[in-house]
Amino acid sequence: MVSLESMEYELKGTNLQVLVWRELQRVPAGVVITYSELASRVGYPRAIRAIASAVGRNPYPPIIPCHRVVRSDGSLGGYSGPGGVEQKRALLQSEGIMI
């Protein structure tokens, strides 16, 4: 069996997008972070909209776990992967996170 972590895939995007997508890969299962926290982690604490846009353009959901990013108020926010927000909720629930 091949794990998702061992799969090779090419990330094509802007420098900021690739930076965001690589940081998303560091968020462990069962943990959520906010868009604001993600922006700080990649060194652009004031660019929350640009960070959210990069998250939304994730080419490999849920392999790159963009479903682990939520709004600062704790709400889900969006999900551009198949199934939309309901799929995001299901992915989080499968990791033990109830939002």
C-alpha atoms as a PDB file:
ATOM      1  CA  MET A   1       0.000   0.000   0.000  1.00  0.00           C
ATOM      2  CA  VAL A   2       1.259   3.494  -0.895  1.00  0.00           C
ATOM      3  CA  SER A   3       0.708   6.294   1.582  1.00  0.00           C
ATOM      4  CA  LEU A   4      -0.338   9.730   0.404  1.00  0.00           C
ATOM      5  CA  GLU A   5       2.776  11.194   1.997  1.00  0.00           C
ATOM      6  CA  SER A   6       5.027   9.119  -0.256  1.00  0.00           C
ATOM      7  CA  MET A   7       3.272  10.156  -3.466  1.00  0.00           C
ATOM      8  CA  GLU A   8       5.202  12.490  -5.691  1.00  0.00           C
ATOM      9  CA  TYR A   9       3.422  15.401  -7.274  1.00  0.00           C
ATOM     10  CA  GLU A  10       4.453  18.669  -8.805  1.00  0.00           C
ATOM     11  CA  LEU A  11       3.359  21.964  -7.296  1.00  0.00           C
ATOM     12  CA  LYS A  12       2.842  24.618  -9.942  1.00  0.00           C
ATOM     13  CA  GLY A  13       1.796  28.051  -8.795  1.00  0.00           C
ATOM     14  CA  THR A  14       3.142  31.380  -7.664  1.00  0.00           C
ATOM     15  CA  ASN A  15       5.914  31.462  -5.100  1.00  0.00           C
ATOM     16  CA  LEU A  16       3.375  32.414  -2.426  1.00  0.00           C
ATOM     17  CA  GLN A  17       0.994  29.618  -3.393  1.00  0.00           C
ATOM     18  CA  VAL A  18       3.737  26.985  -3.251  1.00  0.00           C
ATOM     19  CA  LEU A  19       4.928  28.382   0.093  1.00  0.00           C
ATOM     20  CA  VAL A  20       1.382  28.114   1.482  1.00  0.00           C
ATOM     21  CA  TRP A  21       0.818  24.608   0.099  1.00  0.00           C
ATOM     22  CA  ARG A  22       4.097  23.368   1.589  1.00  0.00           C
ATOM     23  CA  GLU A  23       3.184  24.849   4.977  1.00  0.00           C
ATOM     24  CA  LEU A  24      -0.224  23.162   4.828  1.00  0.00           C
ATOM     25  CA  GLN A  25       1.590  19.838   4.536  1.00  0.00           C
ATOM     26  CA  ARG A  26       3.129  20.515   7.962  1.00  0.00           C
ATOM     27  CA  VAL A  27      -0.258  20.752   9.710  1.00  0.00           C
ATOM     28  CA  PRO A  28      -0.785  17.360  11.364  1.00  0.00           C
ATOM     29  CA  ALA A  29      -4.001  15.373  11.198  1.00  0.00           C
ATOM     30  CA  GLY A  30      -6.398  16.315  13.977  1.00  0.00           C
ATOM     31  CA  VAL A  31      -5.150  19.904  14.155  1.00  0.00           C
ATOM     32  CA  VAL A  32      -6.715  23.027  12.680  1.00  0.00           C
ATOM     33  CA  ILE A  33      -5.116  26.427  12.181  1.00  0.00           C
ATOM     34  CA  THR A  34      -6.605  29.744  11.145  1.00  0.00           C
ATOM     35  CA  TYR A  35      -5.936  31.603   7.920  1.00  0.00           C
ATOM     36  CA  SER A  36      -4.294  34.275  10.070  1.00  0.00           C
ATOM     37  CA  GLU A  37      -1.998  31.731  11.719  1.00  0.00           C
ATOM     38  CA  LEU A  38      -1.107  30.297   8.324  1.00  0.00           C
ATOM     39  CA  ALA A  39      -0.290  33.797   7.055  1.00  0.00           C
ATOM     40  CA  SER A  40       2.065  34.306  10.013  1.00  0.00           C
ATOM     41  CA  ARG A  41       3.683  30.906   9.523  1.00  0.00           C
ATOM     42  CA  VAL A  42       4.641  31.717   5.930  1.00  0.00           C
ATOM     43  CA  GLY A  43       5.923  35.174   6.833  1.00  0.00           C
ATOM     44  CA  TYR A  44       3.053  37.298   5.513  1.00  0.00           C
ATOM     45  CA  PRO A  45       0.970  38.063   8.624  1.00  0.00           C
ATOM     46  CA  ARG A  46      -0.965  40.903   6.972  1.00  0.00           C
ATOM     47  CA  ALA A  47      -1.722  39.083   3.700  1.00  0.00           C
ATOM     48  CA  ILE A  48      -4.599  36.969   4.993  1.00  0.00           C
ATOM     49  CA  ARG A  49      -6.709  37.372   1.838  1.00  0.00           C
ATOM     50  CA  ALA A  50      -3.830  36.362  -0.405  1.00  0.00           C
ATOM     51  CA  ILE A  51      -3.149  33.374   1.843  1.00  0.00           C
ATOM     52  CA  ALA A  52      -6.827  32.357   1.759  1.00  0.00           C
ATOM     53  CA  SER A  53      -6.758  32.657  -2.020  1.00  0.00           C
ATOM     54  CA  ALA A  54      -3.699  30.393  -2.202  1.00  0.00           C
ATOM     55  CA  VAL A  55      -5.436  27.859   0.050  1.00  0.00           C
ATOM     56  CA  GLY A  56      -8.449  27.960  -2.265  1.00  0.00           C
ATOM     57  CA  ARG A  57      -6.260  27.201  -5.275  1.00  0.00           C
ATOM     58  CA  ASN A  58      -4.787  24.063  -3.718  1.00  0.00           C
ATOM     59  CA  PRO A  59      -4.318  21.645  -6.637  1.00  0.00           C
ATOM     60  CA  TYR A  60      -4.397  18.478  -4.499  1.00  0.00           C
ATOM     61  CA  PRO A  61      -7.078  18.538  -1.798  1.00  0.00           C
ATOM     62  CA  PRO A  62      -7.086  16.609   0.565  1.00  0.00           C
ATOM     63  CA  ILE A  63      -3.501  15.423  -0.099  1.00  0.00           C
ATOM     64  CA  ILE A  64      -2.414  18.952   0.760  1.00  0.00           C
ATOM     65  CA  PRO A  65      -4.702  19.320   3.780  1.00  0.00           C
ATOM     66  CA  CYS A  66      -6.313  22.683   3.163  1.00  0.00           C
ATOM     67  CA  HIS A  67      -9.365  21.384   5.021  1.00  0.00           C
ATOM     68  CA  ARG A  68      -7.417  21.975   8.253  1.00  0.00           C
ATOM     69  CA  VAL A  69      -7.613  25.760   7.853  1.00  0.00           C
ATOM     70  CA  VAL A  70     -10.561  27.561   9.468  1.00  0.00           C
ATOM     71  CA  ARG A  71     -11.640  31.137  10.031  1.00  0.00           C
ATOM     72  CA  SER A  72     -10.522  33.063  13.105  1.00  0.00           C
ATOM     73  CA  ASP A  73     -14.058  32.854  14.536  1.00  0.00           C
ATOM     74  CA  GLY A  74     -13.841  29.051  14.416  1.00  0.00           C
ATOM     75  CA  SER A  75     -16.228  28.631  11.485  1.00  0.00           C
ATOM     76  CA  LEU A  76     -15.267  26.388   8.596  1.00  0.00           C
ATOM     77  CA  GLY A  77     -14.792  28.952   5.864  1.00  0.00           C
ATOM     78  CA  GLY A  78     -14.747  27.568   2.346  1.00  0.00           C
ATOM     79  CA  TYR A  79     -13.456  24.435   0.672  1.00  0.00           C
ATOM     80  CA  SER A  80     -12.653  24.257  -3.018  1.00  0.00           C
ATOM     81  CA  GLY A  81     -12.240  20.483  -3.103  1.00  0.00           C
ATOM     82  CA  PRO A  82     -14.953  18.146  -4.361  1.00  0.00           C
ATOM     83  CA  GLY A  83     -17.988  18.224  -2.092  1.00  0.00           C
ATOM     84  CA  GLY A  84     -17.407  21.754  -0.853  1.00  0.00           C
ATOM     85  CA  VAL A  85     -17.838  22.698   2.789  1.00  0.00           C
ATOM     86  CA  GLU A  86     -19.696  19.500   3.663  1.00  0.00           C
ATOM     87  CA  GLN A  87     -16.689  17.482   2.491  1.00  0.00           C
ATOM     88  CA  LYS A  88     -14.423  19.746   4.569  1.00  0.00           C
ATOM     89  CA  ARG A  89     -16.590  19.039   7.610  1.00  0.00           C
ATOM     90  CA  ALA A  90     -16.472  15.278   6.892  1.00  0.00           C
ATOM     91  CA  LEU A  91     -12.667  15.311   6.500  1.00  0.00           C
ATOM     92  CA  LEU A  92     -12.274  17.162   9.801  1.00  0.00           C
ATOM     93  CA  GLN A  93     -14.679  14.801  11.543  1.00  0.00           C
ATOM     94  CA  SER A  94     -12.693  11.830  10.241  1.00  0.00           C
ATOM     95  CA  GLU A  95      -9.691  13.368  12.054  1.00  0.00           C
ATOM     96  CA  GLY A  96     -11.679  13.796  15.276  1.00  0.00           C
ATOM     97  CA  ILE A  97     -12.405  17.509  14.864  1.00  0.00           C
ATOM     98  CA  MET A  98     -16.014  18.607  15.377  1.00  0.00           C
ATOM     99  CA  ILE A  99     -16.836  22.072  14.091  1.00  0.00           C
END
